[in-house]
């Protein structure tokens, strides 16, 4: 292989670098999300403990349902933030291709959430 055939290494993004995506939509409200996720983490530990202690299955399922709903609530908040920040920015930029990419992203995320 000669010098003309050398492949340039792909630069790796720095931590916090979102490339063409920009800052995440939740950037300004990260603290409430982290608090909520910490609470959900505690709920999951509680479910783990319930199984270890042989808690009645219906009670475990009730707690699993609560954890699932809490995660869905966080997901809906992130969808809302993405639409109001990332999609909105793409729409106001005038870049039709970027807007189409953002719309495809949000539709893909919604489809995953609905599975």
PDB file of N, CA and C in Angstrom:
ATOM      1  N   UNK A   1       0.851  -1.160   0.000  1.00  0.00           N
ATOM      2  CA  UNK A   1       0.000   0.000   0.000  1.00  0.00           C
ATOM      3  C   UNK A   1       0.902   1.229   0.000  1.00  0.00           C
ATOM      4  N   UNK A   2       0.592   2.163  -0.874  1.00  0.00           N
ATOM      5  CA  UNK A   2       1.395   3.384  -0.928  1.00  0.00           C
ATOM      6  C   UNK A   2       0.689   4.507  -0.172  1.00  0.00           C
ATOM      7  N   UNK A   3       1.319   5.653  -0.084  1.00  0.00           N
ATOM      8  CA  UNK A   3       0.806   6.775   0.698  1.00  0.00           C
ATOM      9  C   UNK A   3      -0.546   7.251   0.183  1.00  0.00           C
ATOM     10  N   UNK A   4      -0.797   7.114  -1.131  1.00  0.00           N
ATOM     11  CA  UNK A   4      -2.076   7.548  -1.687  1.00  0.00           C
ATOM     12  C   UNK A   4      -3.224   6.647  -1.252  1.00  0.00           C
ATOM     13  N   UNK A   5      -2.908   5.390  -0.873  1.00  0.00           N
ATOM     14  CA  UNK A   5      -3.941   4.438  -0.470  1.00  0.00           C
ATOM     15  C   UNK A   5      -4.232   4.489   1.031  1.00  0.00           C
ATOM     16  N   UNK A   6      -3.485   5.262   1.784  1.00  0.00           N
ATOM     17  CA  UNK A   6      -3.663   5.302   3.239  1.00  0.00           C
ATOM     18  C   UNK A   6      -5.050   5.839   3.583  1.00  0.00           C
ATOM     19  N   UNK A   7      -5.669   5.199   4.528  1.00  0.00           N
ATOM     20  CA  UNK A   7      -6.997   5.614   4.977  1.00  0.00           C
ATOM     21  C   UNK A   7      -6.834   6.492   6.202  1.00  0.00           C
ATOM     22  N   UNK A   8      -7.454   7.653   6.141  1.00  0.00           N
ATOM     23  CA  UNK A   8      -7.400   8.562   7.279  1.00  0.00           C
ATOM     24  C   UNK A   8      -8.232   7.973   8.411  1.00  0.00           C
ATOM     25  N   UNK A   9      -7.731   7.999   9.650  1.00  0.00           N
ATOM     26  CA  UNK A   9      -8.535   7.500  10.767  1.00  0.00           C
ATOM     27  C   UNK A   9      -9.750   8.399  10.986  1.00  0.00           C
ATOM     28  N   UNK A  10     -10.853   7.798  11.357  1.00  0.00           N
ATOM     29  CA  UNK A  10     -12.060   8.559  11.650  1.00  0.00           C
ATOM     30  C   UNK A  10     -11.891   9.194  13.019  1.00  0.00           C
ATOM     31  N   UNK A  11     -12.023  10.521  13.107  1.00  0.00           N
ATOM     32  CA  UNK A  11     -11.859  11.156  14.415  1.00  0.00           C
ATOM     33  C   UNK A  11     -12.963  10.709  15.363  1.00  0.00           C
ATOM     34  N   UNK A  12     -12.593  10.394  16.582  1.00  0.00           N
ATOM     35  CA  UNK A  12     -13.550   9.975  17.592  1.00  0.00           C
ATOM     36  C   UNK A  12     -14.082  11.213  18.306  1.00  0.00           C
ATOM     37  N   UNK A  13     -15.397  11.257  18.559  1.00  0.00           N
ATOM     38  CA  UNK A  13     -15.941  12.425  19.247  1.00  0.00           C
ATOM     39  C   UNK A  13     -15.451  12.491  20.682  1.00  0.00           C
ATOM     40  N   UNK A  14     -15.309  13.695  21.167  1.00  0.00           N
ATOM     41  CA  UNK A  14     -14.944  13.914  22.565  1.00  0.00           C
ATOM     42  C   UNK A  14     -16.174  13.677  23.433  1.00  0.00           C
ATOM     43  N   UNK A  15     -15.989  13.347  24.702  1.00  0.00           N
ATOM     44  CA  UNK A  15     -17.157  13.189  25.576  1.00  0.00           C
ATOM     45  C   UNK A  15     -18.007  14.455  25.557  1.00  0.00           C
ATOM     46  N   UNK A  16     -19.303  14.283  25.398  1.00  0.00           N
ATOM     47  CA  UNK A  16     -20.199  15.428  25.340  1.00  0.00           C
ATOM     48  C   UNK A  16     -20.345  16.018  23.956  1.00  0.00           C
ATOM     49  N   UNK A  17     -19.568  15.534  22.986  1.00  0.00           N
ATOM     50  CA  UNK A  17     -19.661  16.027  21.613  1.00  0.00           C
ATOM     51  C   UNK A  17     -20.757  15.240  20.907  1.00  0.00           C
ATOM     52  N   UNK A  18     -21.767  15.923  20.433  1.00  0.00           N
ATOM     53  CA  UNK A  18     -22.894  15.257  19.808  1.00  0.00           C
ATOM     54  C   UNK A  18     -22.832  15.349  18.286  1.00  0.00           C
ATOM     55  N   UNK A  19     -21.667  15.718  17.771  1.00  0.00           N
ATOM     56  CA  UNK A  19     -21.499  15.780  16.319  1.00  0.00           C
ATOM     57  C   UNK A  19     -22.540  16.680  15.694  1.00  0.00           C
ATOM     58  N   UNK A  20     -23.169  16.201  14.626  1.00  0.00           N
ATOM     59  CA  UNK A  20     -24.171  17.016  13.951  1.00  0.00           C
ATOM     60  C   UNK A  20     -25.479  17.066  14.714  1.00  0.00           C
ATOM     61  N   UNK A  21     -25.616  16.248  15.763  1.00  0.00           N
ATOM     62  CA  UNK A  21     -26.866  16.242  16.510  1.00  0.00           C
ATOM     63  C   UNK A  21     -27.007  17.442  17.444  1.00  0.00           C
ATOM     64  N   UNK A  22     -25.926  18.098  17.819  1.00  0.00           N
ATOM     65  CA  UNK A  22     -26.004  19.211  18.750  1.00  0.00           C
ATOM     66  C   UNK A  22     -26.214  18.729  20.177  1.00  0.00           C
ATOM     67  N   UNK A  23     -26.549  19.674  21.062  1.00  0.00           N
ATOM     68  CA  UNK A  23     -26.820  19.306  22.459  1.00  0.00           C
ATOM     69  C   UNK A  23     -28.115  18.515  22.538  1.00  0.00           C
ATOM     70  N   UNK A  24     -28.201  17.583  23.479  1.00  0.00           N
ATOM     71  CA  UNK A  24     -29.462  16.851  23.634  1.00  0.00           C
ATOM     72  C   UNK A  24     -30.567  17.804  24.091  1.00  0.00           C
ATOM     73  N   UNK A  25     -31.803  17.491  23.708  1.00  0.00           N
ATOM     74  CA  UNK A  25     -32.935  18.345  24.055  1.00  0.00           C
ATOM     75  C   UNK A  25     -33.140  18.496  25.549  1.00  0.00           C
ATOM     76  N   UNK A  26     -32.706  17.517  26.336  1.00  0.00           N
ATOM     77  CA  UNK A  26     -32.894  17.561  27.783  1.00  0.00           C
ATOM     78  C   UNK A  26     -31.758  18.280  28.492  1.00  0.00           C
ATOM     79  N   UNK A  27     -30.809  18.820  27.732  1.00  0.00           N
ATOM     80  CA  UNK A  27     -29.598  19.414  28.306  1.00  0.00           C
ATOM     81  C   UNK A  27     -29.905  20.403  29.433  1.00  0.00           C
ATOM     82  N   UNK A  28     -30.897  21.255  29.249  1.00  0.00           N
ATOM     83  CA  UNK A  28     -31.218  22.260  30.265  1.00  0.00           C
ATOM     84  C   UNK A  28     -32.007  21.717  31.441  1.00  0.00           C
ATOM     85  N   UNK A  29     -32.550  20.501  31.306  1.00  0.00           N
ATOM     86  CA  UNK A  29     -33.363  19.926  32.390  1.00  0.00           C
ATOM     87  C   UNK A  29     -32.848  18.545  32.783  1.00  0.00           C
ATOM     88  N   UNK A  30     -31.554  18.385  32.744  1.00  0.00           N
ATOM     89  CA  UNK A  30     -30.939  17.096  33.036  1.00  0.00           C
ATOM     90  C   UNK A  30     -31.127  16.668  34.483  1.00  0.00           C
ATOM     91  N   UNK A  31     -31.074  17.603  35.402  1.00  0.00           N
ATOM     92  CA  UNK A  31     -31.154  17.297  36.822  1.00  0.00           C
ATOM     93  C   UNK A  31     -32.446  16.560  37.207  1.00  0.00           C
ATOM     94  N   UNK A  32     -33.625  17.019  36.767  1.00  0.00           N
ATOM     95  CA  UNK A  32     -34.843  16.270  37.109  1.00  0.00           C
ATOM     96  C   UNK A  32     -34.845  14.850  36.526  1.00  0.00           C
ATOM     97  N   UNK A  33     -34.297  14.681  35.347  1.00  0.00           N
ATOM     98  CA  UNK A  33     -34.213  13.338  34.761  1.00  0.00           C
ATOM     99  C   UNK A  33     -33.304  12.443  35.597  1.00  0.00           C
ATOM    100  N   UNK A  34     -32.190  12.962  36.011  1.00  0.00           N
ATOM    101  CA  UNK A  34     -31.269  12.165  36.829  1.00  0.00           C
ATOM    102  C   UNK A  34     -31.904  11.789  38.167  1.00  0.00           C
ATOM    103  N   UNK A  35     -32.629  12.734  38.779  1.00  0.00           N
ATOM    104  CA  UNK A  35     -33.332  12.447  40.030  1.00  0.00           C
ATOM    105  C   UNK A  35     -34.369  11.343  39.816  1.00  0.00           C
ATOM    106  N   UNK A  36     -35.143  11.466  38.751  1.00  0.00           N
ATOM    107  CA  UNK A  36     -36.190  10.487  38.473  1.00  0.00           C
ATOM    108  C   UNK A  36     -35.578   9.112  38.213  1.00  0.00           C
ATOM    109  N   UNK A  37     -34.503   9.074  37.448  1.00  0.00           N
ATOM    110  CA  UNK A  37     -33.845   7.794  37.159  1.00  0.00           C
ATOM    111  C   UNK A  37     -33.259   7.176  38.421  1.00  0.00           C
ATOM    112  N   UNK A  38     -32.776   7.998  39.329  1.00  0.00           N
ATOM    113  CA  UNK A  38     -32.264   7.493  40.605  1.00  0.00           C
ATOM    114  C   UNK A  38     -33.390   6.851  41.413  1.00  0.00           C
ATOM    115  N   UNK A  39     -34.571   7.474  41.401  1.00  0.00           N
ATOM    116  CA  UNK A  39     -35.728   6.886  42.079  1.00  0.00           C
ATOM    117  C   UNK A  39     -36.134   5.554  41.442  1.00  0.00           C
ATOM    118  N   UNK A  40     -36.110   5.518  40.121  1.00  0.00           N
ATOM    119  CA  UNK A  40     -36.448   4.285  39.406  1.00  0.00           C
ATOM    120  C   UNK A  40     -35.430   3.198  39.737  1.00  0.00           C
ATOM    121  N   UNK A  41     -34.170   3.590  39.822  1.00  0.00           N
ATOM    122  CA  UNK A  41     -33.122   2.637  40.199  1.00  0.00           C
ATOM    123  C   UNK A  41     -33.432   2.022  41.567  1.00  0.00           C
ATOM    124  N   UNK A  42     -33.894   2.855  42.487  1.00  0.00           N
ATOM    125  CA  UNK A  42     -34.275   2.357  43.814  1.00  0.00           C
ATOM    126  C   UNK A  42     -35.466   1.409  43.735  1.00  0.00           C
ATOM    127  N   UNK A  43     -36.418   1.732  42.866  1.00  0.00           N
ATOM    128  CA  UNK A  43     -37.570   0.845  42.684  1.00  0.00           C
ATOM    129  C   UNK A  43     -37.118  -0.524  42.157  1.00  0.00           C
ATOM    130  N   UNK A  44     -36.186  -0.516  41.211  1.00  0.00           N
ATOM    131  CA  UNK A  44     -35.697  -1.776  40.646  1.00  0.00           C
ATOM    132  C   UNK A  44     -34.972  -2.590  41.721  1.00  0.00           C
ATOM    133  N   UNK A  45     -34.170  -1.922  42.546  1.00  0.00           N
ATOM    134  CA  UNK A  45     -33.519  -2.628  43.659  1.00  0.00           C
ATOM    135  C   UNK A  45     -34.558  -3.227  44.598  1.00  0.00           C
ATOM    136  N   UNK A  46     -35.657  -2.501  44.807  1.00  0.00           N
ATOM    137  CA  UNK A  46     -36.731  -3.008  45.645  1.00  0.00           C
ATOM    138  C   UNK A  46     -37.372  -4.253  45.052  1.00  0.00           C
ATOM    139  N   UNK A  47     -37.561  -4.274  43.739  1.00  0.00           N
ATOM    140  CA  UNK A  47     -38.109  -5.458  43.073  1.00  0.00           C
ATOM    141  C   UNK A  47     -37.139  -6.631  43.240  1.00  0.00           C
ATOM    142  N   UNK A  48     -35.867  -6.369  43.090  1.00  0.00           N
ATOM    143  CA  UNK A  48     -34.845  -7.399  43.265  1.00  0.00           C
ATOM    144  C   UNK A  48     -34.936  -7.998  44.667  1.00  0.00           C
ATOM    145  N   UNK A  49     -35.046  -7.123  45.647  1.00  0.00           N
ATOM    146  CA  UNK A  49     -35.145  -7.554  47.043  1.00  0.00           C
ATOM    147  C   UNK A  49     -36.421  -8.376  47.263  1.00  0.00           C
ATOM    148  N   UNK A  50     -37.516  -7.941  46.632  1.00  0.00           N
ATOM    149  CA  UNK A  50     -38.780  -8.674  46.763  1.00  0.00           C
ATOM    150  C   UNK A  50     -38.631 -10.109  46.255  1.00  0.00           C
ATOM    151  N   UNK A  51     -37.953 -10.268  45.127  1.00  0.00           N
ATOM    152  CA  UNK A  51     -37.759 -11.613  44.571  1.00  0.00           C
ATOM    153  C   UNK A  51     -36.854 -12.422  45.499  1.00  0.00           C
ATOM    154  N   UNK A  52     -35.786 -11.801  46.010  1.00  0.00           N
ATOM    155  CA  UNK A  52     -34.895 -12.500  46.948  1.00  0.00           C
ATOM    156  C   UNK A  52     -35.661 -12.992  48.181  1.00  0.00           C
ATOM    157  N   UNK A  53     -36.626 -12.191  48.616  1.00  0.00           N
ATOM    158  CA  UNK A  53     -37.370 -12.508  49.836  1.00  0.00           C
ATOM    159  C   UNK A  53     -38.634 -13.322  49.562  1.00  0.00           C
ATOM    160  N   UNK A  54     -38.757 -13.813  48.326  1.00  0.00           N
ATOM    161  CA  UNK A  54     -39.912 -14.646  47.950  1.00  0.00           C
ATOM    162  C   UNK A  54     -41.253 -13.957  48.175  1.00  0.00           C
ATOM    163  N   UNK A  55     -41.323 -12.694  47.817  1.00  0.00           N
ATOM    164  CA  UNK A  55     -42.575 -11.939  47.925  1.00  0.00           C
ATOM    165  C   UNK A  55     -43.599 -12.510  46.941  1.00  0.00           C
ATOM    166  N   UNK A  56     -44.840 -12.442  47.313  1.00  0.00           N
ATOM    167  CA  UNK A  56     -45.941 -12.936  46.492  1.00  0.00           C
ATOM    168  C   UNK A  56     -45.839 -12.360  45.076  1.00  0.00           C
ATOM    169  N   UNK A  57     -46.005 -13.243  44.075  1.00  0.00           N
ATOM    170  CA  UNK A  57     -45.751 -12.853  42.679  1.00  0.00           C
ATOM    171  C   UNK A  57     -46.581 -11.657  42.219  1.00  0.00           C
ATOM    172  N   UNK A  58     -47.827 -11.568  42.616  1.00  0.00           N
ATOM    173  CA  UNK A  58     -48.666 -10.453  42.189  1.00  0.00           C
ATOM    174  C   UNK A  58     -48.116  -9.131  42.723  1.00  0.00           C
ATOM    175  N   UNK A  59     -47.588  -9.140  43.924  1.00  0.00           N
ATOM    176  CA  UNK A  59     -46.987  -7.927  44.491  1.00  0.00           C
ATOM    177  C   UNK A  59     -45.740  -7.521  43.710  1.00  0.00           C
ATOM    178  N   UNK A  60     -44.944  -8.499  43.300  1.00  0.00           N
ATOM    179  CA  UNK A  60     -43.753  -8.213  42.485  1.00  0.00           C
ATOM    180  C   UNK A  60     -44.186  -7.643  41.140  1.00  0.00           C
ATOM    181  N   UNK A  61     -45.188  -8.263  40.528  1.00  0.00           N
ATOM    182  CA  UNK A  61     -45.676  -7.781  39.228  1.00  0.00           C
ATOM    183  C   UNK A  61     -46.226  -6.356  39.331  1.00  0.00           C
ATOM    184  N   UNK A  62     -46.870  -6.043  40.442  1.00  0.00           N
ATOM    185  CA  UNK A  62     -47.381  -4.683  40.644  1.00  0.00           C
ATOM    186  C   UNK A  62     -46.230  -3.681  40.666  1.00  0.00           C
ATOM    187  N   UNK A  63     -45.149  -4.034  41.348  1.00  0.00           N
ATOM    188  CA  UNK A  63     -43.986  -3.141  41.408  1.00  0.00           C
ATOM    189  C   UNK A  63     -43.291  -3.036  40.047  1.00  0.00           C
ATOM    190  N   UNK A  64     -43.235  -4.137  39.315  1.00  0.00           N
ATOM    191  CA  UNK A  64     -42.641  -4.102  37.974  1.00  0.00           C
ATOM    192  C   UNK A  64     -43.457  -3.181  37.071  1.00  0.00           C
ATOM    193  N   UNK A  65     -44.774  -3.233  37.206  1.00  0.00           N
ATOM    194  CA  UNK A  65     -45.640  -2.339  36.437  1.00  0.00           C
ATOM    195  C   UNK A  65     -45.351  -0.878  36.781  1.00  0.00           C
ATOM    196  N   UNK A  66     -45.150  -0.589  38.054  1.00  0.00           N
ATOM    197  CA  UNK A  66     -44.843   0.780  38.481  1.00  0.00           C
ATOM    198  C   UNK A  66     -43.516   1.260  37.899  1.00  0.00           C
ATOM    199  N   UNK A  67     -42.517   0.383  37.886  1.00  0.00           N
ATOM    200  CA  UNK A  67     -41.207   0.732  37.313  1.00  0.00           C
ATOM    201  C   UNK A  67     -41.351   0.989  35.812  1.00  0.00           C
ATOM    202  N   UNK A  68     -42.097   0.134  35.149  1.00  0.00           N
ATOM    203  CA  UNK A  68     -42.310   0.283  33.703  1.00  0.00           C
ATOM    204  C   UNK A  68     -42.977   1.620  33.393  1.00  0.00           C
ATOM    205  N   UNK A  69     -44.013   1.958  34.146  1.00  0.00           N
ATOM    206  CA  UNK A  69     -44.711   3.241  33.936  1.00  0.00           C
ATOM    207  C   UNK A  69     -43.779   4.414  34.213  1.00  0.00           C
ATOM    208  N   UNK A  70     -42.952   4.305  35.228  1.00  0.00           N
ATOM    209  CA  UNK A  70     -42.009   5.387  35.541  1.00  0.00           C
ATOM    210  C   UNK A  70     -41.008   5.582  34.401  1.00  0.00           C
ATOM    211  N   UNK A  71     -40.503   4.496  33.852  1.00  0.00           N
ATOM    212  CA  UNK A  71     -39.582   4.604  32.711  1.00  0.00           C
ATOM    213  C   UNK A  71     -40.281   5.176  31.485  1.00  0.00           C
ATOM    214  N   UNK A  72     -41.533   4.781  31.267  1.00  0.00           N
ATOM    215  CA  UNK A  72     -42.284   5.327  30.140  1.00  0.00           C
ATOM    216  C   UNK A  72     -42.481   6.832  30.305  1.00  0.00           C
ATOM    217  N   UNK A  73     -42.687   7.270  31.523  1.00  0.00           N
ATOM    218  CA  UNK A  73     -42.842   8.695  31.792  1.00  0.00           C
ATOM    219  C   UNK A  73     -41.558   9.463  31.458  1.00  0.00           C
ATOM    220  N   UNK A  74     -40.427   8.909  31.843  1.00  0.00           N
ATOM    221  CA  UNK A  74     -39.140   9.530  31.498  1.00  0.00           C
ATOM    222  C   UNK A  74     -38.976   9.563  29.975  1.00  0.00           C
ATOM    223  N   UNK A  75     -39.313   8.455  29.323  1.00  0.00           N
ATOM    224  CA  UNK A  75     -39.183   8.383  27.861  1.00  0.00           C
ATOM    225  C   UNK A  75     -40.052   9.437  27.182  1.00  0.00           C
ATOM    226  N   UNK A  76     -41.284   9.609  27.642  1.00  0.00           N
ATOM    227  CA  UNK A  76     -42.162  10.618  27.046  1.00  0.00           C
ATOM    228  C   UNK A  76     -41.610  12.025  27.247  1.00  0.00           C
ATOM    229  N   UNK A  77     -41.017  12.273  28.398  1.00  0.00           N
ATOM    230  CA  UNK A  77     -40.380  13.569  28.627  1.00  0.00           C
ATOM    231  C   UNK A  77     -39.234  13.805  27.663  1.00  0.00           C
ATOM    232  N   UNK A  78     -38.452  12.770  27.410  1.00  0.00           N
ATOM    233  CA  UNK A  78     -37.332  12.890  26.468  1.00  0.00           C
ATOM    234  C   UNK A  78     -37.838  13.104  25.042  1.00  0.00           C
ATOM    235  N   UNK A  79     -38.921  12.417  24.675  1.00  0.00           N
ATOM    236  CA  UNK A  79     -39.523  12.635  23.351  1.00  0.00           C
ATOM    237  C   UNK A  79     -39.959  14.088  23.225  1.00  0.00           C
ATOM    238  N   UNK A  80     -40.640  14.593  24.249  1.00  0.00           N
ATOM    239  CA  UNK A  80     -41.094  15.984  24.241  1.00  0.00           C
ATOM    240  C   UNK A  80     -39.925  16.948  24.104  1.00  0.00           C
ATOM    241  N   UNK A  81     -38.875  16.719  24.891  1.00  0.00           N
ATOM    242  CA  UNK A  81     -37.681  17.574  24.803  1.00  0.00           C
ATOM    243  C   UNK A  81     -37.053  17.507  23.420  1.00  0.00           C
ATOM    244  N   UNK A  82     -36.985  16.302  22.845  1.00  0.00           N
ATOM    245  CA  UNK A  82     -36.387  16.149  21.512  1.00  0.00           C
ATOM    246  C   UNK A  82     -37.183  16.938  20.471  1.00  0.00           C
ATOM    247  N   UNK A  83     -38.494  16.838  20.551  1.00  0.00           N
ATOM    248  CA  UNK A  83     -39.327  17.560  19.579  1.00  0.00           C
ATOM    249  C   UNK A  83     -39.169  19.065  19.755  1.00  0.00           C
ATOM    250  N   UNK A  84     -39.236  19.528  20.996  1.00  0.00           N
ATOM    251  CA  UNK A  84     -39.193  20.973  21.229  1.00  0.00           C
ATOM    252  C   UNK A  84     -37.807  21.580  21.091  1.00  0.00           C
ATOM    253  N   UNK A  85     -36.781  20.778  21.110  1.00  0.00           N
ATOM    254  CA  UNK A  85     -35.419  21.306  20.973  1.00  0.00           C
ATOM    255  C   UNK A  85     -34.826  20.906  19.629  1.00  0.00           C
ATOM    256  N   UNK A  86     -34.567  19.631  19.457  1.00  0.00           N
ATOM    257  CA  UNK A  86     -33.834  19.160  18.283  1.00  0.00           C
ATOM    258  C   UNK A  86     -34.633  19.304  16.988  1.00  0.00           C
ATOM    259  N   UNK A  87     -35.884  18.851  17.010  1.00  0.00           N
ATOM    260  CA  UNK A  87     -36.709  18.947  15.801  1.00  0.00           C
ATOM    261  C   UNK A  87     -37.026  20.410  15.506  1.00  0.00           C
ATOM    262  N   UNK A  88     -37.343  21.167  16.546  1.00  0.00           N
ATOM    263  CA  UNK A  88     -37.628  22.590  16.352  1.00  0.00           C
ATOM    264  C   UNK A  88     -36.431  23.315  15.744  1.00  0.00           C
ATOM    265  N   UNK A  89     -35.228  23.054  16.286  1.00  0.00           N
ATOM    266  CA  UNK A  89     -34.022  23.695  15.746  1.00  0.00           C
ATOM    267  C   UNK A  89     -33.809  23.335  14.288  1.00  0.00           C
ATOM    268  N   UNK A  90     -34.033  22.068  13.940  1.00  0.00           N
ATOM    269  CA  UNK A  90     -33.875  21.643  12.544  1.00  0.00           C
ATOM    270  C   UNK A  90     -34.900  22.347  11.659  1.00  0.00           C
ATOM    271  N   UNK A  91     -36.109  22.510  12.161  1.00  0.00           N
ATOM    272  CA  UNK A  91     -37.162  23.166  11.375  1.00  0.00           C
ATOM    273  C   UNK A  91     -36.847  24.636  11.131  1.00  0.00           C
ATOM    274  N   UNK A  92     -36.307  25.299  12.149  1.00  0.00           N
ATOM    275  CA  UNK A  92     -36.011  26.732  11.996  1.00  0.00           C
ATOM    276  C   UNK A  92     -34.698  26.982  11.264  1.00  0.00           C
ATOM    277  N   UNK A  93     -33.869  25.935  11.098  1.00  0.00           N
ATOM    278  CA  UNK A  93     -32.595  26.110  10.409  1.00  0.00           C
ATOM    279  C   UNK A  93     -32.770  26.288   8.903  1.00  0.00           C
ATOM    280  N   UNK A  94     -33.903  25.820   8.389  1.00  0.00           N
ATOM    281  CA  UNK A  94     -34.120  25.889   6.944  1.00  0.00           C
ATOM    282  C   UNK A  94     -33.490  24.736   6.192  1.00  0.00           C
ATOM    283  N   UNK A  95     -32.794  23.855   6.890  1.00  0.00           N
ATOM    284  CA  UNK A  95     -32.146  22.694   6.272  1.00  0.00           C
ATOM    285  C   UNK A  95     -33.159  21.548   6.209  1.00  0.00           C
ATOM    286  N   UNK A  96     -33.762  21.371   5.065  1.00  0.00           N
ATOM    287  CA  UNK A  96     -34.833  20.374   4.889  1.00  0.00           C
ATOM    288  C   UNK A  96     -34.321  18.955   5.164  1.00  0.00           C
ATOM    289  N   UNK A  97     -33.100  18.648   4.722  1.00  0.00           N
ATOM    290  CA  UNK A  97     -32.553  17.308   4.960  1.00  0.00           C
ATOM    291  C   UNK A  97     -32.365  17.041   6.449  1.00  0.00           C
ATOM    292  N   UNK A  98     -31.886  18.024   7.193  1.00  0.00           N
ATOM    293  CA  UNK A  98     -31.704  17.865   8.636  1.00  0.00           C
ATOM    294  C   UNK A  98     -33.054  17.674   9.323  1.00  0.00           C
ATOM    295  N   UNK A  99     -34.044  18.442   8.899  1.00  0.00           N
ATOM    296  CA  UNK A  99     -35.385  18.289   9.461  1.00  0.00           C
ATOM    297  C   UNK A  99     -35.915  16.883   9.185  1.00  0.00           C
ATOM    298  N   UNK A 100     -35.740  16.397   7.964  1.00  0.00           N
ATOM    299  CA  UNK A 100     -36.181  15.038   7.635  1.00  0.00           C
ATOM    300  C   UNK A 100     -35.472  14.004   8.509  1.00  0.00           C
ATOM    301  N   UNK A 101     -34.161  14.190   8.757  1.00  0.00           N
ATOM    302  CA  UNK A 101     -33.417  13.274   9.625  1.00  0.00           C
ATOM    303  C   UNK A 101     -33.984  13.283  11.046  1.00  0.00           C
ATOM    304  N   UNK A 102     -34.249  14.471  11.555  1.00  0.00           N
ATOM    305  CA  UNK A 102     -34.786  14.589  12.912  1.00  0.00           C
ATOM    306  C   UNK A 102     -36.185  13.968  13.004  1.00  0.00           C
ATOM    307  N   UNK A 103     -36.989  14.165  11.978  1.00  0.00           N
ATOM    308  CA  UNK A 103     -38.328  13.565  11.976  1.00  0.00           C
ATOM    309  C   UNK A 103     -38.225  12.046  11.929  1.00  0.00           C
ATOM    310  N   UNK A 104     -37.305  11.529  11.136  1.00  0.00           N
ATOM    311  CA  UNK A 104     -37.091  10.076  11.085  1.00  0.00           C
ATOM    312  C   UNK A 104     -36.619   9.551  12.443  1.00  0.00           C
ATOM    313  N   UNK A 105     -35.721  10.305  13.099  1.00  0.00           N
ATOM    314  CA  UNK A 105     -35.240   9.909  14.430  1.00  0.00           C
ATOM    315  C   UNK A 105     -36.393   9.785  15.421  1.00  0.00           C
ATOM    316  N   UNK A 106     -37.244  10.817  15.445  1.00  0.00           N
ATOM    317  CA  UNK A 106     -38.311  10.815  16.437  1.00  0.00           C
ATOM    318  C   UNK A 106     -39.326   9.724  16.137  1.00  0.00           C
ATOM    319  N   UNK A 107     -39.613   9.489  14.875  1.00  0.00           N
ATOM    320  CA  UNK A 107     -40.556   8.421  14.533  1.00  0.00           C
ATOM    321  C   UNK A 107     -39.969   7.057  14.891  1.00  0.00           C
ATOM    322  N   UNK A 108     -38.680   6.860  14.676  1.00  0.00           N
ATOM    323  CA  UNK A 108     -38.026   5.607  15.066  1.00  0.00           C
ATOM    324  C   UNK A 108     -38.086   5.405  16.569  1.00  0.00           C
ATOM    325  N   UNK A 109     -37.867   6.477  17.321  1.00  0.00           N
ATOM    326  CA  UNK A 109     -37.919   6.390  18.786  1.00  0.00           C
ATOM    327  C   UNK A 109     -39.328   6.066  19.258  1.00  0.00           C
ATOM    328  N   UNK A 110     -40.327   6.704  18.670  1.00  0.00           N
ATOM    329  CA  UNK A 110     -41.711   6.449  19.062  1.00  0.00           C
ATOM    330  C   UNK A 110     -42.082   4.997  18.744  1.00  0.00           C
ATOM    331  N   UNK A 111     -41.665   4.512  17.596  1.00  0.00           N
ATOM    332  CA  UNK A 111     -41.954   3.112  17.233  1.00  0.00           C
ATOM    333  C   UNK A 111     -41.325   2.150  18.238  1.00  0.00           C
ATOM    334  N   UNK A 112     -40.072   2.434  18.661  1.00  0.00           N
ATOM    335  CA  UNK A 112     -39.433   1.580  19.661  1.00  0.00           C
ATOM    336  C   UNK A 112     -40.169   1.614  20.991  1.00  0.00           C
ATOM    337  N   UNK A 113     -40.648   2.785  21.369  1.00  0.00           N
ATOM    338  CA  UNK A 113     -41.373   2.917  22.639  1.00  0.00           C
ATOM    339  C   UNK A 113     -42.710   2.196  22.618  1.00  0.00           C
ATOM    340  N   UNK A 114     -43.307   2.074  21.438  1.00  0.00           N
ATOM    341  CA  UNK A 114     -44.623   1.448  21.340  1.00  0.00           C
ATOM    342  C   UNK A 114     -44.562  -0.066  21.219  1.00  0.00           C
ATOM    343  N   UNK A 115     -43.382  -0.637  21.082  1.00  0.00           N
ATOM    344  CA  UNK A 115     -43.271  -2.096  20.954  1.00  0.00           C
ATOM    345  C   UNK A 115     -43.622  -2.777  22.247  1.00  0.00           C
TER     346      UNK A 115
END
